[in-house]
C-alpha atoms as a PDB file:
ATOM      1  CA  UNK A   1       3.388 -48.890 -35.251  1.00  0.00           C
ATOM      2  CA  UNK A   2       6.242 -48.404 -37.443  1.00  0.00           C
ATOM      3  CA  UNK A   3       9.300 -46.375 -37.997  1.00  0.00           C
ATOM      4  CA  UNK A   4      12.425 -46.675 -39.784  1.00  0.00           C
ATOM      5  CA  UNK A   5      15.976 -45.477 -38.434  1.00  0.00           C
ATOM      6  CA  UNK A   6      18.849 -45.515 -40.976  1.00  0.00           C
ATOM      7  CA  UNK A   7      21.991 -47.883 -40.147  1.00  0.00           C
ATOM      8  CA  UNK A   8      25.472 -47.405 -41.778  1.00  0.00           C
ATOM      9  CA  UNK A   9      25.107 -45.595 -44.852  1.00  0.00           C
ATOM     10  CA  UNK A  10      26.516 -47.196 -48.359  1.00  0.00           C
ATOM     11  CA  UNK A  11      28.171 -45.196 -50.794  1.00  0.00           C
ATOM     12  CA  UNK A  12      26.262 -46.526 -53.497  1.00  0.00           C
ATOM     13  CA  UNK A  13      23.010 -44.438 -53.404  1.00  0.00           C
ATOM     14  CA  UNK A  14      21.197 -46.294 -56.429  1.00  0.00           C
ATOM     15  CA  UNK A  15      21.568 -49.812 -54.098  1.00  0.00           C
ATOM     16  CA  UNK A  16      18.226 -50.920 -52.541  1.00  0.00           C
ATOM     17  CA  UNK A  17      18.513 -51.173 -48.722  1.00  0.00           C
ATOM     18  CA  UNK A  18      18.224 -53.795 -46.560  1.00  0.00           C
ATOM     19  CA  UNK A  19      15.249 -53.246 -44.761  1.00  0.00           C
ATOM     20  CA  UNK A  20      15.709 -55.177 -41.186  1.00  0.00           C
ATOM     21  CA  UNK A  21      12.674 -55.676 -38.915  1.00  0.00           C
ATOM     22  CA  UNK A  22      13.583 -55.152 -35.116  1.00  0.00           C
ATOM     23  CA  UNK A  23      11.468 -54.961 -32.187  1.00  0.00           C
ATOM     24  CA  UNK A  24      13.915 -52.697 -29.722  1.00  0.00           C
ATOM     25  CA  UNK A  25      12.533 -54.217 -26.340  1.00  0.00           C
ATOM     26  CA  UNK A  26      14.595 -57.027 -25.782  1.00  0.00           C
ATOM     27  CA  UNK A  27      18.397 -56.095 -24.396  1.00  0.00           C
ATOM     28  CA  UNK A  28      21.012 -56.788 -24.754  1.00  0.00           C
ATOM     29  CA  UNK A  29      19.829 -58.427 -28.022  1.00  0.00           C
ATOM     30  CA  UNK A  30      18.032 -55.461 -29.470  1.00  0.00           C
ATOM     31  CA  UNK A  31      17.079 -52.384 -27.592  1.00  0.00           C
ATOM     32  CA  UNK A  32      17.289 -48.256 -27.670  1.00  0.00           C
ATOM     33  CA  UNK A  33      19.975 -46.541 -26.343  1.00  0.00           C
ATOM     34  CA  UNK A  34      19.876 -42.826 -26.446  1.00  0.00           C
ATOM     35  CA  UNK A  35      17.723 -43.067 -29.341  1.00  0.00           C
ATOM     36  CA  UNK A  36      19.450 -45.499 -31.410  1.00  0.00           C
ATOM     37  CA  UNK A  37      18.855 -49.208 -32.104  1.00  0.00           C
ATOM     38  CA  UNK A  38      21.745 -51.276 -30.640  1.00  0.00           C
ATOM     39  CA  UNK A  39      22.289 -54.807 -29.353  1.00  0.00           C
ATOM     40  CA  UNK A  40      23.460 -57.871 -30.673  1.00  0.00           C
ATOM     41  CA  UNK A  41      21.198 -57.893 -33.810  1.00  0.00           C
ATOM     42  CA  UNK A  42      21.982 -54.313 -34.555  1.00  0.00           C
ATOM     43  CA  UNK A  43      25.623 -55.041 -35.086  1.00  0.00           C
ATOM     44  CA  UNK A  44      24.725 -58.099 -36.889  1.00  0.00           C
ATOM     45  CA  UNK A  45      22.510 -56.446 -39.114  1.00  0.00           C
ATOM     46  CA  UNK A  46      25.211 -53.554 -40.209  1.00  0.00           C
ATOM     47  CA  UNK A  47      27.819 -56.434 -40.654  1.00  0.00           C
ATOM     48  CA  UNK A  48      25.429 -58.209 -43.127  1.00  0.00           C
ATOM     49  CA  UNK A  49      24.767 -55.127 -44.831  1.00  0.00           C
ATOM     50  CA  UNK A  50      28.150 -54.184 -45.152  1.00  0.00           C
ATOM     51  CA  UNK A  51      29.052 -57.724 -46.744  1.00  0.00           C
ATOM     52  CA  UNK A  52      25.804 -57.299 -49.279  1.00  0.00           C
ATOM     53  CA  UNK A  53      26.792 -53.741 -50.127  1.00  0.00           C
ATOM     54  CA  UNK A  54      23.438 -52.325 -48.924  1.00  0.00           C
ATOM     55  CA  UNK A  55      22.738 -49.814 -46.827  1.00  0.00           C
ATOM     56  CA  UNK A  56      20.790 -50.886 -43.433  1.00  0.00           C
ATOM     57  CA  UNK A  57      17.520 -49.674 -42.480  1.00  0.00           C
ATOM     58  CA  UNK A  58      16.035 -50.702 -39.260  1.00  0.00           C
ATOM     59  CA  UNK A  59      12.321 -50.678 -39.624  1.00  0.00           C
ATOM     60  CA  UNK A  60      10.723 -50.601 -36.116  1.00  0.00           C
ATOM     61  CA  UNK A  61       7.592 -52.822 -35.525  1.00  0.00           C
ATOM     62  CA  UNK A  62       5.622 -54.115 -32.737  1.00  0.00           C
ATOM     63  CA  UNK A  63       6.706 -57.947 -31.974  1.00  0.00           C
ATOM     64  CA  UNK A  64       3.096 -59.087 -33.736  1.00  0.00           C
ATOM     65  CA  UNK A  65       3.826 -57.526 -36.700  1.00  0.00           C
ATOM     66  CA  UNK A  66       7.165 -58.823 -37.751  1.00  0.00           C
ATOM     67  CA  UNK A  67       5.810 -61.634 -39.765  1.00  0.00           C
ATOM     68  CA  UNK A  68       3.047 -60.029 -41.506  1.00  0.00           C
ATOM     69  CA  UNK A  69       5.688 -57.177 -42.489  1.00  0.00           C
ATOM     70  CA  UNK A  70       7.909 -59.516 -43.812  1.00  0.00           C
ATOM     71  CA  UNK A  71       5.338 -61.523 -45.589  1.00  0.00           C
ATOM     72  CA  UNK A  72       3.900 -58.448 -47.086  1.00  0.00           C
ATOM     73  CA  UNK A  73       6.902 -57.057 -48.334  1.00  0.00           C
ATOM     74  CA  UNK A  74       7.612 -54.244 -46.190  1.00  0.00           C
ATOM     75  CA  UNK A  75      10.883 -55.781 -44.535  1.00  0.00           C
ATOM     76  CA  UNK A  76      13.456 -58.196 -46.151  1.00  0.00           C
ATOM     77  CA  UNK A  77      14.345 -59.744 -42.925  1.00  0.00           C
ATOM     78  CA  UNK A  78      13.490 -60.276 -39.364  1.00  0.00           C
ATOM     79  CA  UNK A  79      16.817 -59.701 -37.086  1.00  0.00           C
ATOM     80  CA  UNK A  80      15.115 -59.262 -33.593  1.00  0.00           C
ATOM     81  CA  UNK A  81      16.227 -62.190 -31.786  1.00  0.00           C
ATOM     82  CA  UNK A  82      13.638 -64.670 -33.302  1.00  0.00           C
ATOM     83  CA  UNK A  83      13.593 -68.297 -31.877  1.00  0.00           C
ATOM     84  CA  UNK A  84      12.780 -70.973 -34.572  1.00  0.00           C
ATOM     85  CA  UNK A  85       9.504 -72.418 -34.199  1.00  0.00           C
ATOM     86  CA  UNK A  86       7.726 -75.267 -36.232  1.00  0.00           C
ATOM     87  CA  UNK A  87       4.602 -72.283 -36.483  1.00  0.00           C
ATOM     88  CA  UNK A  88       7.130 -70.185 -37.652  1.00  0.00           C
ATOM     89  CA  UNK A  89       8.880 -72.128 -40.098  1.00  0.00           C
ATOM     90  CA  UNK A  90       5.733 -72.352 -42.025  1.00  0.00           C
ATOM     91  CA  UNK A  91       5.584 -68.608 -42.898  1.00  0.00           C
ATOM     92  CA  UNK A  92       9.453 -67.789 -42.760  1.00  0.00           C
ATOM     93  CA  UNK A  93      12.443 -69.134 -43.971  1.00  0.00           C
ATOM     94  CA  UNK A  94      14.734 -69.142 -41.339  1.00  0.00           C
ATOM     95  CA  UNK A  95      18.888 -68.424 -42.142  1.00  0.00           C
ATOM     96  CA  UNK A  96      21.355 -70.988 -40.129  1.00  0.00           C
ATOM     97  CA  UNK A  97      21.021 -70.170 -36.297  1.00  0.00           C
ATOM     98  CA  UNK A  98      23.541 -67.835 -34.657  1.00  0.00           C
ATOM     99  CA  UNK A  99      22.897 -68.260 -31.200  1.00  0.00           C
ATOM    100  CA  UNK A 100      21.437 -71.149 -28.610  1.00  0.00           C
ATOM    101  CA  UNK A 101      19.712 -69.812 -25.861  1.00  0.00           C
ATOM    102  CA  UNK A 102      16.463 -70.433 -23.967  1.00  0.00           C
ATOM    103  CA  UNK A 103      13.893 -68.970 -21.542  1.00  0.00           C
ATOM    104  CA  UNK A 104      14.597 -68.020 -17.772  1.00  0.00           C
ATOM    105  CA  UNK A 105      12.982 -66.524 -14.815  1.00  0.00           C
ATOM    106  CA  UNK A 106      13.135 -62.854 -13.129  1.00  0.00           C
ATOM    107  CA  UNK A 107      12.025 -62.671  -9.945  1.00  0.00           C
ATOM    108  CA  UNK A 108      12.410 -60.699  -6.676  1.00  0.00           C
ATOM    109  CA  UNK A 109      15.606 -61.624  -4.488  1.00  0.00           C
ATOM    110  CA  UNK A 110      12.935 -62.178  -1.668  1.00  0.00           C
ATOM    111  CA  UNK A 111      11.397 -65.284  -3.625  1.00  0.00           C
ATOM    112  CA  UNK A 112      14.590 -66.696  -4.954  1.00  0.00           C
ATOM    113  CA  UNK A 113      14.562 -69.262  -2.178  1.00  0.00           C
ATOM    114  CA  UNK A 114      11.418 -70.946  -4.156  1.00  0.00           C
ATOM    115  CA  UNK A 115      13.485 -72.108  -6.896  1.00  0.00           C
ATOM    116  CA  UNK A 116      16.541 -73.394  -5.136  1.00  0.00           C
ATOM    117  CA  UNK A 117      15.374 -77.169  -5.986  1.00  0.00           C
ATOM    118  CA  UNK A 118      14.057 -76.462  -9.486  1.00  0.00           C
ATOM    119  CA  UNK A 119      11.028 -74.994 -10.928  1.00  0.00           C
ATOM    120  CA  UNK A 120       7.719 -75.647  -9.628  1.00  0.00           C
ATOM    121  CA  UNK A 121       5.098 -77.193 -11.988  1.00  0.00           C
ATOM    122  CA  UNK A 122       2.837 -74.738 -10.505  1.00  0.00           C
ATOM    123  CA  UNK A 123       4.581 -71.498  -9.843  1.00  0.00           C
ATOM    124  CA  UNK A 124       2.454 -69.279  -7.721  1.00  0.00           C
ATOM    125  CA  UNK A 125       0.899 -65.984  -8.503  1.00  0.00           C
ATOM    126  CA  UNK A 126       0.879 -64.054 -11.963  1.00  0.00           C
ATOM    127  CA  UNK A 127       3.507 -64.644 -14.834  1.00  0.00           C
ATOM    128  CA  UNK A 128       4.455 -61.619 -16.696  1.00  0.00           C
ATOM    129  CA  UNK A 129       4.950 -62.309 -20.672  1.00  0.00           C
ATOM    130  CA  UNK A 130       5.788 -60.336 -23.664  1.00  0.00           C
ATOM    131  CA  UNK A 131       2.840 -61.427 -26.178  1.00  0.00           C
ATOM    132  CA  UNK A 132       3.374 -63.714 -28.888  1.00  0.00           C
ATOM    133  CA  UNK A 133       7.071 -64.792 -27.616  1.00  0.00           C
ATOM    134  CA  UNK A 134       8.538 -68.041 -26.889  1.00  0.00           C
ATOM    135  CA  UNK A 135       8.480 -66.854 -23.446  1.00  0.00           C
ATOM    136  CA  UNK A 136       4.822 -66.300 -23.477  1.00  0.00           C
ATOM    137  CA  UNK A 137       4.155 -69.684 -25.658  1.00  0.00           C
ATOM    138  CA  UNK A 138       6.458 -71.608 -22.979  1.00  0.00           C
ATOM    139  CA  UNK A 139       4.143 -70.362 -20.141  1.00  0.00           C
ATOM    140  CA  UNK A 140       0.758 -71.237 -21.955  1.00  0.00           C
ATOM    141  CA  UNK A 141       2.095 -74.824 -22.537  1.00  0.00           C
ATOM    142  CA  UNK A 142       3.871 -75.635 -19.651  1.00  0.00           C
ATOM    143  CA  UNK A 143       2.073 -73.834 -16.683  1.00  0.00           C
ATOM    144  CA  UNK A 144      -1.512 -74.153 -17.933  1.00  0.00           C
ATOM    145  CA  UNK A 145      -3.001 -73.038 -14.913  1.00  0.00           C
ATOM    146  CA  UNK A 146      -0.987 -69.931 -14.300  1.00  0.00           C
ATOM    147  CA  UNK A 147      -2.154 -66.452 -14.990  1.00  0.00           C
ATOM    148  CA  UNK A 148      -0.591 -64.789 -17.677  1.00  0.00           C
ATOM    149  CA  UNK A 149       0.107 -60.758 -17.780  1.00  0.00           C
ATOM    150  CA  UNK A 150       0.978 -59.867 -20.791  1.00  0.00           C
ATOM    151  CA  UNK A 151       3.462 -56.412 -21.476  1.00  0.00           C
ATOM    152  CA  UNK A 152       4.747 -54.517 -24.631  1.00  0.00           C
ATOM    153  CA  UNK A 153       8.371 -54.659 -23.790  1.00  0.00           C
ATOM    154  CA  UNK A 154      10.611 -56.396 -21.226  1.00  0.00           C
ATOM    155  CA  UNK A 155      11.289 -53.161 -19.220  1.00  0.00           C
ATOM    156  CA  UNK A 156       7.512 -52.790 -18.527  1.00  0.00           C
ATOM    157  CA  UNK A 157       7.350 -56.733 -17.376  1.00  0.00           C
ATOM    158  CA  UNK A 158      10.296 -55.844 -15.097  1.00  0.00           C
ATOM    159  CA  UNK A 159       8.914 -52.783 -13.467  1.00  0.00           C
ATOM    160  CA  UNK A 160       5.603 -54.595 -12.957  1.00  0.00           C
ATOM    161  CA  UNK A 161       7.892 -57.196 -11.286  1.00  0.00           C
ATOM    162  CA  UNK A 162       9.259 -54.585  -8.798  1.00  0.00           C
ATOM    163  CA  UNK A 163       5.794 -53.450  -8.138  1.00  0.00           C
ATOM    164  CA  UNK A 164       4.620 -56.756  -7.237  1.00  0.00           C
ATOM    165  CA  UNK A 165       1.991 -56.878  -9.862  1.00  0.00           C
ATOM    166  CA  UNK A 166       3.444 -60.177 -11.030  1.00  0.00           C
ATOM    167  CA  UNK A 167       5.659 -62.965  -9.242  1.00  0.00           C
ATOM    168  CA  UNK A 168       8.092 -63.471 -12.008  1.00  0.00           C
ATOM    169  CA  UNK A 169       8.802 -62.831 -15.670  1.00  0.00           C
ATOM    170  CA  UNK A 170       9.962 -65.242 -18.325  1.00  0.00           C
ATOM    171  CA  UNK A 171      12.000 -64.109 -21.242  1.00  0.00           C
ATOM    172  CA  UNK A 172      14.952 -65.061 -22.938  1.00  0.00           C
ATOM    173  CA  UNK A 173      18.271 -65.813 -21.032  1.00  0.00           C
ATOM    174  CA  UNK A 174      20.012 -62.735 -22.312  1.00  0.00           C
ATOM    175  CA  UNK A 175      17.228 -60.570 -21.366  1.00  0.00           C
ATOM    176  CA  UNK A 176      16.851 -61.905 -18.164  1.00  0.00           C
ATOM    177  CA  UNK A 177      20.747 -61.532 -17.128  1.00  0.00           C
ATOM    178  CA  UNK A 178      20.697 -58.085 -18.589  1.00  0.00           C
ATOM    179  CA  UNK A 179      17.529 -57.106 -16.727  1.00  0.00           C
ATOM    180  CA  UNK A 180      18.999 -58.879 -13.234  1.00  0.00           C
ATOM    181  CA  UNK A 181      22.103 -56.882 -13.811  1.00  0.00           C
ATOM    182  CA  UNK A 182      20.119 -53.270 -14.641  1.00  0.00           C
ATOM    183  CA  UNK A 183      17.780 -53.893 -11.285  1.00  0.00           C
ATOM    184  CA  UNK A 184      20.267 -55.646  -9.026  1.00  0.00           C
ATOM    185  CA  UNK A 185      19.903 -52.676  -6.720  1.00  0.00           C
ATOM    186  CA  UNK A 186      16.441 -52.910  -6.839  1.00  0.00           C
ATOM    187  CA  UNK A 187      16.427 -56.349  -5.609  1.00  0.00           C
ATOM    188  CA  UNK A 188      15.483 -58.687  -9.204  1.00  0.00           C
ATOM    189  CA  UNK A 189      17.556 -61.758  -9.802  1.00  0.00           C
ATOM    190  CA  UNK A 190      17.494 -64.359 -12.572  1.00  0.00           C
ATOM    191  CA  UNK A 191      16.671 -67.687 -11.655  1.00  0.00           C
ATOM    192  CA  UNK A 192      19.994 -69.369 -12.806  1.00  0.00           C
ATOM    193  CA  UNK A 193      18.853 -72.257 -15.107  1.00  0.00           C
ATOM    194  CA  UNK A 194      16.931 -72.611 -18.466  1.00  0.00           C
ATOM    195  CA  UNK A 195      13.598 -73.547 -18.773  1.00  0.00           C
ATOM    196  CA  UNK A 196      13.919 -74.456 -22.493  1.00  0.00           C
ATOM    197  CA  UNK A 197      16.487 -74.638 -25.217  1.00  0.00           C
ATOM    198  CA  UNK A 198      16.036 -72.437 -28.547  1.00  0.00           C
ATOM    199  CA  UNK A 199      17.693 -71.402 -31.530  1.00  0.00           C
ATOM    200  CA  UNK A 200      17.744 -67.669 -32.368  1.00  0.00           C
ATOM    201  CA  UNK A 201      17.872 -66.899 -36.381  1.00  0.00           C
ATOM    202  CA  UNK A 202      17.031 -64.358 -38.938  1.00  0.00           C
ATOM    203  CA  UNK A 203      14.056 -64.803 -40.622  1.00  0.00           C
ATOM    204  CA  UNK A 204      13.447 -63.885 -44.326  1.00  0.00           C
ATOM    205  CA  UNK A 205      10.789 -64.523 -47.024  1.00  0.00           C
ATOM    206  CA  UNK A 206      10.105 -67.952 -48.028  1.00  0.00           C
ATOM    207  CA  UNK A 207       9.895 -66.859 -51.693  1.00  0.00           C
ATOM    208  CA  UNK A 208      13.113 -65.062 -51.681  1.00  0.00           C
ATOM    209  CA  UNK A 209      15.506 -67.677 -51.785  1.00  0.00           C
ATOM    210  CA  UNK A 210      18.259 -65.578 -53.273  1.00  0.00           C
ATOM    211  CA  UNK A 211      18.326 -63.425 -50.137  1.00  0.00           C
ATOM    212  CA  UNK A 212      18.478 -66.434 -47.912  1.00  0.00           C
ATOM    213  CA  UNK A 213      21.083 -67.866 -49.767  1.00  0.00           C
ATOM    214  CA  UNK A 214      23.065 -65.013 -49.721  1.00  0.00           C
ATOM    215  CA  UNK A 215      22.603 -64.228 -45.972  1.00  0.00           C
ATOM    216  CA  UNK A 216      23.549 -67.949 -45.075  1.00  0.00           C
ATOM    217  CA  UNK A 217      26.983 -67.435 -47.293  1.00  0.00           C
ATOM    218  CA  UNK A 218      27.479 -63.864 -45.628  1.00  0.00           C
ATOM    219  CA  UNK A 219      27.243 -65.759 -41.957  1.00  0.00           C
ATOM    220  CA  UNK A 220      29.176 -68.396 -42.800  1.00  0.00           C
ATOM    221  CA  UNK A 221      32.009 -65.897 -43.598  1.00  0.00           C
ATOM    222  CA  UNK A 222      31.363 -64.124 -40.408  1.00  0.00           C
ATOM    223  CA  UNK A 223      31.297 -67.270 -38.197  1.00  0.00           C
ATOM    224  CA  UNK A 224      34.767 -68.126 -40.047  1.00  0.00           C
ATOM    225  CA  UNK A 225      36.096 -65.041 -39.169  1.00  0.00           C
ATOM    226  CA  UNK A 226      35.189 -64.956 -35.364  1.00  0.00           C
ATOM    227  CA  UNK A 227      32.820 -62.066 -36.012  1.00  0.00           C
ATOM    228  CA  UNK A 228      29.555 -63.492 -34.893  1.00  0.00           C
ATOM    229  CA  UNK A 229      31.033 -64.790 -31.553  1.00  0.00           C
ATOM    230  CA  UNK A 230      33.121 -61.573 -30.705  1.00  0.00           C
ATOM    231  CA  UNK A 231      29.735 -59.664 -31.255  1.00  0.00           C
ATOM    232  CA  UNK A 232      28.123 -61.859 -29.025  1.00  0.00           C
ATOM    233  CA  UNK A 233      30.317 -61.669 -26.166  1.00  0.00           C
ATOM    234  CA  UNK A 234      30.415 -58.106 -26.609  1.00  0.00           C
ATOM    235  CA  UNK A 235      26.837 -57.859 -25.729  1.00  0.00           C
ATOM    236  CA  UNK A 236      26.611 -60.908 -23.322  1.00  0.00           C
ATOM    237  CA  UNK A 237      29.968 -61.536 -21.581  1.00  0.00           C
ATOM    238  CA  UNK A 238      28.241 -64.848 -20.334  1.00  0.00           C
ATOM    239  CA  UNK A 239      27.955 -66.223 -23.787  1.00  0.00           C
ATOM    240  CA  UNK A 240      30.252 -69.440 -24.138  1.00  0.00           C
END
């Protein structure tokens, strides 16, 4: 699945667009609202494009297609809440990390007492994951006896939790807090501790060293100006 959605417009029509690969199913990092791609990564992509003097084109992809699209030259950069992992580093050149986060669990409020003294080594019942994410990898590595159920988006996983098709959902902490707030009245809560520590970063082709250098320079500038922190705090008020 591939769709292109325009970002901000650059006045120079002959400038090559910055094709940004996104999977907009991880609010508030990257998601759709009223048909528009928004979130932390959307704002950061627009800031990056402005600094580079290139118009931004958001290329919407399934998560599993992000790295293939990059390596095949269909996108220029992945800005979709991607965590740095050793396996991904073999295929992607990562810019400097911009956020440290980790995996968390979303559960039904009636089951929250199960996690009062910590996270069990063998959680009961099926666990929801978004396929090929670090949440999925964590479940496979740490909870080897658990039954995994794969979903295409975090919202689909949350709905499965509400319908008691799964007992918990493991995903990036910002998304879990977002879903807990969105479904507070429905009885979903986040288990308030991290199951891992991860760094989010933008990925570019390993052969495109010029773009990687440019991206790192822009990121340094945005960080020194406080713009990265302001964008993150706008979307993730819990960010310190």
